[in-house]
C-alpha atoms as a PDB file:
ATOM      1  CA  UNK A   1      -1.433 -54.181  36.291  1.00  0.00           C
ATOM      2  CA  UNK A   2      -0.298 -52.873  39.684  1.00  0.00           C
ATOM      3  CA  UNK A   3      -0.104 -49.268  38.483  1.00  0.00           C
ATOM      4  CA  UNK A   4      -3.252 -49.377  36.345  1.00  0.00           C
ATOM      5  CA  UNK A   5      -5.564 -48.030  39.101  1.00  0.00           C
ATOM      6  CA  UNK A   6      -3.168 -45.113  39.659  1.00  0.00           C
ATOM      7  CA  UNK A   7      -2.810 -44.359  35.936  1.00  0.00           C
ATOM      8  CA  UNK A   8      -6.561 -44.528  35.343  1.00  0.00           C
ATOM      9  CA  UNK A   9      -7.423 -42.396  38.370  1.00  0.00           C
ATOM     10  CA  UNK A  10      -4.851 -39.791  37.284  1.00  0.00           C
ATOM     11  CA  UNK A  11      -6.466 -39.557  33.848  1.00  0.00           C
ATOM     12  CA  UNK A  12      -9.987 -39.292  35.264  1.00  0.00           C
ATOM     13  CA  UNK A  13      -8.923 -36.820  37.943  1.00  0.00           C
ATOM     14  CA  UNK A  14      -7.551 -34.513  35.259  1.00  0.00           C
ATOM     15  CA  UNK A  15     -11.167 -34.213  34.060  1.00  0.00           C
ATOM     16  CA  UNK A  16     -13.070 -34.422  37.348  1.00  0.00           C
ATOM     17  CA  UNK A  17     -10.980 -32.198  39.648  1.00  0.00           C
ATOM     18  CA  UNK A  18     -11.326 -29.009  37.522  1.00  0.00           C
ATOM     19  CA  UNK A  19     -15.036 -29.771  37.126  1.00  0.00           C
ATOM     20  CA  UNK A  20     -15.489 -30.046  40.902  1.00  0.00           C
ATOM     21  CA  UNK A  21     -13.358 -26.998  41.799  1.00  0.00           C
ATOM     22  CA  UNK A  22     -14.956 -24.835  39.119  1.00  0.00           C
ATOM     23  CA  UNK A  23     -18.448 -26.040  39.952  1.00  0.00           C
ATOM     24  CA  UNK A  24     -18.043 -25.308  43.660  1.00  0.00           C
ATOM     25  CA  UNK A  25     -16.914 -21.770  42.905  1.00  0.00           C
ATOM     26  CA  UNK A  26     -19.700 -21.114  40.380  1.00  0.00           C
ATOM     27  CA  UNK A  27     -22.309 -22.312  42.876  1.00  0.00           C
ATOM     28  CA  UNK A  28     -20.872 -20.083  45.587  1.00  0.00           C
ATOM     29  CA  UNK A  29     -19.453 -22.914  47.700  1.00  0.00           C
ATOM     30  CA  UNK A  30     -16.380 -21.071  48.956  1.00  0.00           C
ATOM     31  CA  UNK A  31     -14.693 -20.501  52.289  1.00  0.00           C
ATOM     32  CA  UNK A  32     -12.039 -18.062  53.414  1.00  0.00           C
ATOM     33  CA  UNK A  33      -8.633 -19.637  53.983  1.00  0.00           C
ATOM     34  CA  UNK A  34      -5.981 -18.641  56.519  1.00  0.00           C
ATOM     35  CA  UNK A  35      -5.247 -15.455  54.508  1.00  0.00           C
ATOM     36  CA  UNK A  36      -8.884 -14.484  54.091  1.00  0.00           C
ATOM     37  CA  UNK A  37      -9.018 -15.524  50.422  1.00  0.00           C
ATOM     38  CA  UNK A  38     -12.301 -17.084  49.248  1.00  0.00           C
ATOM     39  CA  UNK A  39     -11.469 -20.565  47.974  1.00  0.00           C
ATOM     40  CA  UNK A  40     -13.664 -23.293  46.449  1.00  0.00           C
ATOM     41  CA  UNK A  41     -14.729 -25.591  49.293  1.00  0.00           C
ATOM     42  CA  UNK A  42     -14.704 -28.523  49.947  1.00  0.00           C
ATOM     43  CA  UNK A  43     -12.613 -29.486  46.905  1.00  0.00           C
ATOM     44  CA  UNK A  44     -11.556 -32.705  48.631  1.00  0.00           C
ATOM     45  CA  UNK A  45     -14.831 -34.351  47.624  1.00  0.00           C
ATOM     46  CA  UNK A  46     -13.156 -34.866  44.226  1.00  0.00           C
ATOM     47  CA  UNK A  47     -11.024 -37.636  45.776  1.00  0.00           C
ATOM     48  CA  UNK A  48     -13.959 -39.883  46.575  1.00  0.00           C
ATOM     49  CA  UNK A  49     -15.828 -38.940  43.390  1.00  0.00           C
ATOM     50  CA  UNK A  50     -12.887 -39.795  41.132  1.00  0.00           C
ATOM     51  CA  UNK A  51     -12.205 -43.089  42.894  1.00  0.00           C
ATOM     52  CA  UNK A  52     -15.804 -44.228  42.520  1.00  0.00           C
ATOM     53  CA  UNK A  53     -15.886 -43.301  38.828  1.00  0.00           C
ATOM     54  CA  UNK A  54     -12.579 -45.120  38.240  1.00  0.00           C
ATOM     55  CA  UNK A  55     -14.057 -48.327  39.624  1.00  0.00           C
ATOM     56  CA  UNK A  56     -16.315 -48.650  36.556  1.00  0.00           C
ATOM     57  CA  UNK A  57     -13.601 -49.015  33.869  1.00  0.00           C
ATOM     58  CA  UNK A  58     -11.406 -51.021  36.251  1.00  0.00           C
ATOM     59  CA  UNK A  59     -14.209 -53.519  36.842  1.00  0.00           C
ATOM     60  CA  UNK A  60     -14.852 -53.689  33.088  1.00  0.00           C
ATOM     61  CA  UNK A  61     -11.170 -54.346  32.351  1.00  0.00           C
ATOM     62  CA  UNK A  62     -11.075 -57.012  35.051  1.00  0.00           C
ATOM     63  CA  UNK A  63     -14.167 -58.681  33.601  1.00  0.00           C
ATOM     64  CA  UNK A  64     -12.959 -58.585  29.998  1.00  0.00           C
ATOM     65  CA  UNK A  65      -9.540 -59.912  30.967  1.00  0.00           C
ATOM     66  CA  UNK A  66     -11.067 -62.933  32.641  1.00  0.00           C
ATOM     67  CA  UNK A  67     -10.359 -61.835  36.190  1.00  0.00           C
ATOM     68  CA  UNK A  68      -6.726 -60.854  35.757  1.00  0.00           C
ATOM     69  CA  UNK A  69      -6.609 -59.227  39.183  1.00  0.00           C
ATOM     70  CA  UNK A  70      -6.886 -55.606  38.074  1.00  0.00           C
ATOM     71  CA  UNK A  71      -8.794 -54.894  41.276  1.00  0.00           C
ATOM     72  CA  UNK A  72      -6.650 -56.231  44.089  1.00  0.00           C
ATOM     73  CA  UNK A  73      -8.295 -58.550  46.651  1.00  0.00           C
ATOM     74  CA  UNK A  74      -8.962 -56.492  49.737  1.00  0.00           C
ATOM     75  CA  UNK A  75      -9.364 -53.236  47.819  1.00  0.00           C
ATOM     76  CA  UNK A  76     -12.986 -53.108  48.905  1.00  0.00           C
ATOM     77  CA  UNK A  77     -11.818 -52.545  52.468  1.00  0.00           C
ATOM     78  CA  UNK A  78      -9.703 -49.567  51.416  1.00  0.00           C
ATOM     79  CA  UNK A  79     -12.563 -48.106  49.381  1.00  0.00           C
ATOM     80  CA  UNK A  80     -14.974 -48.525  52.301  1.00  0.00           C
ATOM     81  CA  UNK A  81     -12.676 -46.791  54.763  1.00  0.00           C
ATOM     82  CA  UNK A  82     -11.532 -43.891  52.572  1.00  0.00           C
ATOM     83  CA  UNK A  83     -14.995 -43.117  51.225  1.00  0.00           C
ATOM     84  CA  UNK A  84     -16.523 -43.511  54.681  1.00  0.00           C
ATOM     85  CA  UNK A  85     -14.191 -41.114  56.495  1.00  0.00           C
ATOM     86  CA  UNK A  86     -14.421 -38.674  53.595  1.00  0.00           C
ATOM     87  CA  UNK A  87     -18.204 -38.586  54.017  1.00  0.00           C
ATOM     88  CA  UNK A  88     -17.776 -38.056  57.763  1.00  0.00           C
ATOM     89  CA  UNK A  89     -15.461 -35.175  56.937  1.00  0.00           C
ATOM     90  CA  UNK A  90     -17.995 -33.762  54.488  1.00  0.00           C
ATOM     91  CA  UNK A  91     -20.561 -33.764  57.277  1.00  0.00           C
ATOM     92  CA  UNK A  92     -18.165 -31.672  59.344  1.00  0.00           C
ATOM     93  CA  UNK A  93     -17.552 -29.360  56.371  1.00  0.00           C
ATOM     94  CA  UNK A  94     -21.276 -28.793  56.005  1.00  0.00           C
ATOM     95  CA  UNK A  95     -22.249 -28.531  59.677  1.00  0.00           C
ATOM     96  CA  UNK A  96     -19.042 -27.956  61.595  1.00  0.00           C
ATOM     97  CA  UNK A  97     -19.028 -24.156  61.343  1.00  0.00           C
ATOM     98  CA  UNK A  98     -22.748 -23.810  62.009  1.00  0.00           C
ATOM     99  CA  UNK A  99     -22.769 -24.775  65.675  1.00  0.00           C
ATOM    100  CA  UNK A 100     -23.811 -22.047  68.143  1.00  0.00           C
ATOM    101  CA  UNK A 101     -20.241 -21.459  69.316  1.00  0.00           C
ATOM    102  CA  UNK A 102     -19.268 -20.416  65.800  1.00  0.00           C
ATOM    103  CA  UNK A 103     -22.271 -18.096  65.506  1.00  0.00           C
ATOM    104  CA  UNK A 104     -21.325 -16.483  68.797  1.00  0.00           C
ATOM    105  CA  UNK A 105     -17.985 -15.364  67.423  1.00  0.00           C
ATOM    106  CA  UNK A 106     -15.778 -18.137  68.787  1.00  0.00           C
ATOM    107  CA  UNK A 107     -13.828 -20.315  66.364  1.00  0.00           C
ATOM    108  CA  UNK A 108     -15.309 -23.762  65.815  1.00  0.00           C
ATOM    109  CA  UNK A 109     -13.785 -26.475  68.054  1.00  0.00           C
ATOM    110  CA  UNK A 110     -10.678 -28.173  66.696  1.00  0.00           C
ATOM    111  CA  UNK A 111      -8.855 -31.234  67.952  1.00  0.00           C
ATOM    112  CA  UNK A 112     -10.102 -33.702  70.513  1.00  0.00           C
ATOM    113  CA  UNK A 113      -9.713 -31.278  73.419  1.00  0.00           C
ATOM    114  CA  UNK A 114     -11.620 -28.563  71.583  1.00  0.00           C
ATOM    115  CA  UNK A 115     -14.514 -30.871  70.801  1.00  0.00           C
ATOM    116  CA  UNK A 116     -14.525 -32.212  74.367  1.00  0.00           C
ATOM    117  CA  UNK A 117     -14.695 -28.662  75.751  1.00  0.00           C
ATOM    118  CA  UNK A 118     -17.548 -27.840  73.360  1.00  0.00           C
ATOM    119  CA  UNK A 119     -19.505 -30.886  74.490  1.00  0.00           C
ATOM    120  CA  UNK A 120     -18.877 -30.066  78.168  1.00  0.00           C
ATOM    121  CA  UNK A 121     -20.523 -26.665  77.542  1.00  0.00           C
ATOM    122  CA  UNK A 122     -23.474 -28.346  75.863  1.00  0.00           C
ATOM    123  CA  UNK A 123     -22.442 -27.137  72.402  1.00  0.00           C
ATOM    124  CA  UNK A 124     -23.158 -29.582  69.540  1.00  0.00           C
ATOM    125  CA  UNK A 125     -20.019 -30.783  67.781  1.00  0.00           C
ATOM    126  CA  UNK A 126     -19.459 -33.069  64.821  1.00  0.00           C
ATOM    127  CA  UNK A 127     -15.982 -34.030  66.066  1.00  0.00           C
ATOM    128  CA  UNK A 128     -17.042 -36.969  68.271  1.00  0.00           C
ATOM    129  CA  UNK A 129     -19.236 -38.267  65.454  1.00  0.00           C
ATOM    130  CA  UNK A 130     -16.226 -38.245  63.110  1.00  0.00           C
ATOM    131  CA  UNK A 131     -14.009 -39.969  65.670  1.00  0.00           C
ATOM    132  CA  UNK A 132     -16.481 -42.724  66.534  1.00  0.00           C
ATOM    133  CA  UNK A 133     -17.452 -43.200  62.889  1.00  0.00           C
ATOM    134  CA  UNK A 134     -13.803 -43.520  61.819  1.00  0.00           C
ATOM    135  CA  UNK A 135     -13.203 -46.060  64.586  1.00  0.00           C
ATOM    136  CA  UNK A 136     -16.190 -48.097  63.473  1.00  0.00           C
ATOM    137  CA  UNK A 137     -15.032 -48.084  59.874  1.00  0.00           C
ATOM    138  CA  UNK A 138     -11.491 -49.088  60.867  1.00  0.00           C
ATOM    139  CA  UNK A 139     -12.784 -51.976  62.981  1.00  0.00           C
ATOM    140  CA  UNK A 140     -14.903 -53.129  60.052  1.00  0.00           C
ATOM    141  CA  UNK A 141     -12.314 -53.013  57.272  1.00  0.00           C
ATOM    142  CA  UNK A 142      -9.554 -54.595  59.380  1.00  0.00           C
ATOM    143  CA  UNK A 143     -11.728 -57.462  60.593  1.00  0.00           C
ATOM    144  CA  UNK A 144     -11.561 -60.817  58.872  1.00  0.00           C
ATOM    145  CA  UNK A 145      -9.864 -60.504  55.497  1.00  0.00           C
ATOM    146  CA  UNK A 146     -11.157 -57.085  54.401  1.00  0.00           C
ATOM    147  CA  UNK A 147      -7.636 -55.850  53.637  1.00  0.00           C
ATOM    148  CA  UNK A 148      -5.947 -59.151  52.877  1.00  0.00           C
ATOM    149  CA  UNK A 149      -4.522 -61.667  55.343  1.00  0.00           C
ATOM    150  CA  UNK A 150      -6.435 -62.085  58.613  1.00  0.00           C
ATOM    151  CA  UNK A 151      -4.924 -60.484  61.714  1.00  0.00           C
ATOM    152  CA  UNK A 152      -4.642 -61.839  65.226  1.00  0.00           C
ATOM    153  CA  UNK A 153      -6.153 -59.815  68.070  1.00  0.00           C
ATOM    154  CA  UNK A 154      -3.052 -57.793  68.851  1.00  0.00           C
ATOM    155  CA  UNK A 155      -2.341 -56.997  65.198  1.00  0.00           C
ATOM    156  CA  UNK A 156      -5.989 -56.062  64.703  1.00  0.00           C
ATOM    157  CA  UNK A 157      -5.981 -53.546  67.555  1.00  0.00           C
ATOM    158  CA  UNK A 158      -2.585 -52.168  66.512  1.00  0.00           C
ATOM    159  CA  UNK A 159      -3.627 -51.638  62.891  1.00  0.00           C
ATOM    160  CA  UNK A 160      -6.884 -50.033  64.038  1.00  0.00           C
ATOM    161  CA  UNK A 161      -4.951 -47.556  66.164  1.00  0.00           C
ATOM    162  CA  UNK A 162      -2.615 -46.678  63.293  1.00  0.00           C
ATOM    163  CA  UNK A 163      -5.501 -46.202  60.882  1.00  0.00           C
ATOM    164  CA  UNK A 164      -7.646 -43.990  63.120  1.00  0.00           C
ATOM    165  CA  UNK A 165      -4.809 -41.840  64.490  1.00  0.00           C
ATOM    166  CA  UNK A 166      -3.265 -41.312  61.047  1.00  0.00           C
ATOM    167  CA  UNK A 167      -6.632 -40.132  59.740  1.00  0.00           C
ATOM    168  CA  UNK A 168      -6.914 -37.644  62.593  1.00  0.00           C
ATOM    169  CA  UNK A 169      -3.299 -36.444  62.331  1.00  0.00           C
ATOM    170  CA  UNK A 170      -3.609 -35.491  58.665  1.00  0.00           C
ATOM    171  CA  UNK A 171      -6.745 -33.567  59.553  1.00  0.00           C
ATOM    172  CA  UNK A 172      -4.679 -31.612  62.106  1.00  0.00           C
ATOM    173  CA  UNK A 173      -1.945 -31.022  59.514  1.00  0.00           C
ATOM    174  CA  UNK A 174      -4.258 -29.525  56.915  1.00  0.00           C
ATOM    175  CA  UNK A 175      -3.969 -25.903  58.033  1.00  0.00           C
ATOM    176  CA  UNK A 176      -1.938 -24.580  55.099  1.00  0.00           C
ATOM    177  CA  UNK A 177      -2.249 -25.156  51.338  1.00  0.00           C
ATOM    178  CA  UNK A 178      -0.628 -28.370  50.159  1.00  0.00           C
ATOM    179  CA  UNK A 179       0.648 -29.467  53.559  1.00  0.00           C
ATOM    180  CA  UNK A 180      -1.281 -32.703  53.980  1.00  0.00           C
ATOM    181  CA  UNK A 181      -0.701 -33.773  50.369  1.00  0.00           C
ATOM    182  CA  UNK A 182       3.053 -33.178  50.681  1.00  0.00           C
ATOM    183  CA  UNK A 183       3.123 -35.165  53.918  1.00  0.00           C
ATOM    184  CA  UNK A 184       1.386 -38.086  52.180  1.00  0.00           C
ATOM    185  CA  UNK A 185       3.782 -37.970  49.204  1.00  0.00           C
ATOM    186  CA  UNK A 186       6.832 -37.995  51.493  1.00  0.00           C
ATOM    187  CA  UNK A 187       5.365 -40.825  53.567  1.00  0.00           C
ATOM    188  CA  UNK A 188       4.517 -42.854  50.473  1.00  0.00           C
ATOM    189  CA  UNK A 189       7.975 -42.383  48.993  1.00  0.00           C
ATOM    190  CA  UNK A 190       9.606 -43.434  52.238  1.00  0.00           C
ATOM    191  CA  UNK A 191       7.442 -46.532  52.605  1.00  0.00           C
ATOM    192  CA  UNK A 192       7.819 -47.560  48.952  1.00  0.00           C
ATOM    193  CA  UNK A 193      11.583 -47.107  48.832  1.00  0.00           C
ATOM    194  CA  UNK A 194      12.096 -48.547  52.296  1.00  0.00           C
ATOM    195  CA  UNK A 195      10.077 -51.693  51.667  1.00  0.00           C
ATOM    196  CA  UNK A 196      10.720 -51.949  47.894  1.00  0.00           C
ATOM    197  CA  UNK A 197       7.066 -52.845  47.608  1.00  0.00           C
ATOM    198  CA  UNK A 198       4.517 -51.578  45.071  1.00  0.00           C
ATOM    199  CA  UNK A 199       1.646 -53.636  46.472  1.00  0.00           C
ATOM    200  CA  UNK A 200       0.102 -50.732  48.418  1.00  0.00           C
ATOM    201  CA  UNK A 201       0.035 -48.664  45.219  1.00  0.00           C
ATOM    202  CA  UNK A 202      -2.149 -51.350  43.704  1.00  0.00           C
ATOM    203  CA  UNK A 203      -4.671 -50.959  46.515  1.00  0.00           C
ATOM    204  CA  UNK A 204      -4.441 -47.187  46.997  1.00  0.00           C
ATOM    205  CA  UNK A 205      -3.858 -45.990  43.440  1.00  0.00           C
ATOM    206  CA  UNK A 206      -7.561 -45.206  43.055  1.00  0.00           C
ATOM    207  CA  UNK A 207      -7.143 -42.373  45.558  1.00  0.00           C
ATOM    208  CA  UNK A 208      -3.582 -41.282  44.842  1.00  0.00           C
ATOM    209  CA  UNK A 209      -4.503 -40.062  41.349  1.00  0.00           C
ATOM    210  CA  UNK A 210      -7.035 -37.414  42.448  1.00  0.00           C
ATOM    211  CA  UNK A 211      -4.903 -36.452  45.457  1.00  0.00           C
ATOM    212  CA  UNK A 212      -1.949 -35.670  43.192  1.00  0.00           C
ATOM    213  CA  UNK A 213      -4.118 -33.788  40.691  1.00  0.00           C
ATOM    214  CA  UNK A 214      -5.645 -31.751  43.538  1.00  0.00           C
ATOM    215  CA  UNK A 215      -2.196 -30.646  44.746  1.00  0.00           C
ATOM    216  CA  UNK A 216      -1.795 -27.668  42.328  1.00  0.00           C
ATOM    217  CA  UNK A 217      -5.295 -26.362  43.093  1.00  0.00           C
ATOM    218  CA  UNK A 218      -4.600 -26.693  46.811  1.00  0.00           C
ATOM    219  CA  UNK A 219      -1.192 -24.990  46.627  1.00  0.00           C
ATOM    220  CA  UNK A 220      -2.452 -22.156  44.404  1.00  0.00           C
ATOM    221  CA  UNK A 221      -5.391 -21.497  46.743  1.00  0.00           C
ATOM    222  CA  UNK A 222      -7.948 -22.369  44.094  1.00  0.00           C
ATOM    223  CA  UNK A 223      -9.567 -25.149  46.093  1.00  0.00           C
ATOM    224  CA  UNK A 224      -9.566 -25.975  49.814  1.00  0.00           C
ATOM    225  CA  UNK A 225      -9.593 -29.670  50.662  1.00  0.00           C
ATOM    226  CA  UNK A 226     -11.832 -29.441  53.704  1.00  0.00           C
ATOM    227  CA  UNK A 227     -12.251 -32.356  56.091  1.00  0.00           C
ATOM    228  CA  UNK A 228     -13.675 -34.396  53.207  1.00  0.00           C
ATOM    229  CA  UNK A 229     -10.234 -34.176  51.601  1.00  0.00           C
ATOM    230  CA  UNK A 230      -7.930 -34.221  54.627  1.00  0.00           C
ATOM    231  CA  UNK A 231      -9.772 -37.212  56.101  1.00  0.00           C
ATOM    232  CA  UNK A 232      -9.412 -39.087  52.809  1.00  0.00           C
ATOM    233  CA  UNK A 233      -5.683 -38.257  52.641  1.00  0.00           C
ATOM    234  CA  UNK A 234      -5.188 -39.332  56.258  1.00  0.00           C
ATOM    235  CA  UNK A 235      -7.065 -42.552  55.536  1.00  0.00           C
ATOM    236  CA  UNK A 236      -4.764 -43.308  52.596  1.00  0.00           C
ATOM    237  CA  UNK A 237      -1.734 -42.585  54.802  1.00  0.00           C
ATOM    238  CA  UNK A 238      -2.997 -44.917  57.517  1.00  0.00           C
ATOM    239  CA  UNK A 239      -3.807 -47.680  55.049  1.00  0.00           C
ATOM    240  CA  UNK A 240      -0.361 -47.304  53.462  1.00  0.00           C
ATOM    241  CA  UNK A 241       1.277 -47.745  56.874  1.00  0.00           C
ATOM    242  CA  UNK A 242      -0.815 -50.825  57.649  1.00  0.00           C
ATOM    243  CA  UNK A 243      -0.222 -52.404  54.239  1.00  0.00           C
ATOM    244  CA  UNK A 244       3.524 -51.688  54.058  1.00  0.00           C
ATOM    245  CA  UNK A 245       4.754 -52.193  57.620  1.00  0.00           C
ATOM    246  CA  UNK A 246       5.199 -55.225  59.823  1.00  0.00           C
ATOM    247  CA  UNK A 247       3.549 -55.180  63.259  1.00  0.00           C
ATOM    248  CA  UNK A 248       6.825 -53.924  64.742  1.00  0.00           C
ATOM    249  CA  UNK A 249       6.938 -51.120  62.189  1.00  0.00           C
ATOM    250  CA  UNK A 250       3.303 -50.270  62.857  1.00  0.00           C
ATOM    251  CA  UNK A 251       4.058 -50.043  66.574  1.00  0.00           C
ATOM    252  CA  UNK A 252       6.794 -47.487  65.883  1.00  0.00           C
ATOM    253  CA  UNK A 253       4.464 -45.600  63.535  1.00  0.00           C
ATOM    254  CA  UNK A 254       1.707 -45.600  66.144  1.00  0.00           C
ATOM    255  CA  UNK A 255       4.046 -44.139  68.770  1.00  0.00           C
ATOM    256  CA  UNK A 256       5.196 -41.372  66.392  1.00  0.00           C
ATOM    257  CA  UNK A 257       1.654 -40.557  65.266  1.00  0.00           C
ATOM    258  CA  UNK A 258       0.413 -40.491  68.863  1.00  0.00           C
ATOM    259  CA  UNK A 259       3.263 -38.164  69.879  1.00  0.00           C
ATOM    260  CA  UNK A 260       2.532 -35.817  66.957  1.00  0.00           C
ATOM    261  CA  UNK A 261      -1.181 -35.873  67.786  1.00  0.00           C
ATOM    262  CA  UNK A 262      -0.593 -35.011  71.441  1.00  0.00           C
ATOM    263  CA  UNK A 263       1.765 -32.219  70.405  1.00  0.00           C
ATOM    264  CA  UNK A 264      -0.860 -30.871  68.010  1.00  0.00           C
ATOM    265  CA  UNK A 265      -3.449 -30.861  70.790  1.00  0.00           C
ATOM    266  CA  UNK A 266      -1.332 -28.705  73.114  1.00  0.00           C
ATOM    267  CA  UNK A 267       0.943 -26.807  70.728  1.00  0.00           C
ATOM    268  CA  UNK A 268       0.768 -25.358  67.232  1.00  0.00           C
ATOM    269  CA  UNK A 269       2.141 -27.632  64.507  1.00  0.00           C
ATOM    270  CA  UNK A 270       2.239 -24.625  62.174  1.00  0.00           C
ATOM    271  CA  UNK A 271       4.468 -22.723  64.601  1.00  0.00           C
ATOM    272  CA  UNK A 272       6.773 -25.731  64.921  1.00  0.00           C
ATOM    273  CA  UNK A 273       7.094 -25.904  61.131  1.00  0.00           C
ATOM    274  CA  UNK A 274       7.836 -22.178  60.933  1.00  0.00           C
ATOM    275  CA  UNK A 275      10.595 -22.518  63.556  1.00  0.00           C
ATOM    276  CA  UNK A 276      12.288 -25.447  61.792  1.00  0.00           C
ATOM    277  CA  UNK A 277      14.186 -24.381  58.618  1.00  0.00           C
ATOM    278  CA  UNK A 278      13.931 -27.714  56.772  1.00  0.00           C
ATOM    279  CA  UNK A 279      10.246 -28.153  57.566  1.00  0.00           C
ATOM    280  CA  UNK A 280       9.550 -24.510  56.690  1.00  0.00           C
ATOM    281  CA  UNK A 281      11.245 -24.960  53.305  1.00  0.00           C
ATOM    282  CA  UNK A 282       9.363 -28.179  52.511  1.00  0.00           C
ATOM    283  CA  UNK A 283       6.107 -26.608  53.631  1.00  0.00           C
ATOM    284  CA  UNK A 284       6.575 -23.605  51.340  1.00  0.00           C
ATOM    285  CA  UNK A 285       7.591 -25.514  48.196  1.00  0.00           C
ATOM    286  CA  UNK A 286       5.063 -24.908  45.431  1.00  0.00           C
ATOM    287  CA  UNK A 287       2.983 -22.503  47.481  1.00  0.00           C
ATOM    288  CA  UNK A 288       2.048 -19.083  46.132  1.00  0.00           C
ATOM    289  CA  UNK A 289       4.293 -16.244  47.269  1.00  0.00           C
ATOM    290  CA  UNK A 290       2.567 -13.246  48.760  1.00  0.00           C
ATOM    291  CA  UNK A 291       3.778  -9.740  49.242  1.00  0.00           C
END
């Protein structure tokens, strides 16, 4: 039962992801990537779409089996957060490159500093809306028993920090095809093997299926995730950390995520990856080779 949401979402994603990527391209919803190639955008909306569709057969199976626990208690909190931040990302995908700064020839603001500078100049920016909205969603889903056992005040604030910063970090990572998905896979493998615990897969399997199916399209530059996709992937990463780690582990994770976020604000993560042989190799695996 624990892997049923993952198996079902994989099967549905195999149908939905090509439909979304192909439909975006046919309708002219494309954006140039870092190489100037026009790519279907934002393909990451397939993550939320597939998860919502998968809920229908899962609920039916749960009902017919007499409440066998197919849908894990607390899964509604995960669905609320992932879908919510994905929609906030979609708003940025739709409006983020249409602010006056972008029309004037400057690149759209990126990162917290970039959005803060844009606001200080009186330029509208969707970044603060995303940040505040993600914080509100995290506070909601971690309150009470939305994700399982209730948390005390310190654990609540700690988990909120992990969730929000992880969502933002994966958005910063998503500058090259496949990078954010690979980071999630490596994180998930590490957490699963380290804790010997499949419980998070039960909660997050709804989203892991479409993320994995999207990987080839992302790597082959057929579909660009957009903030709708990178936010959803970051949300899954943050939820996985919260579900798998003890408070002490979450504190370590928060420190590492905060350090990576600060580095990404002042330096280029892509340049760091290019300078580090192991990271450069992992980053290039599966990606199209170009002359």
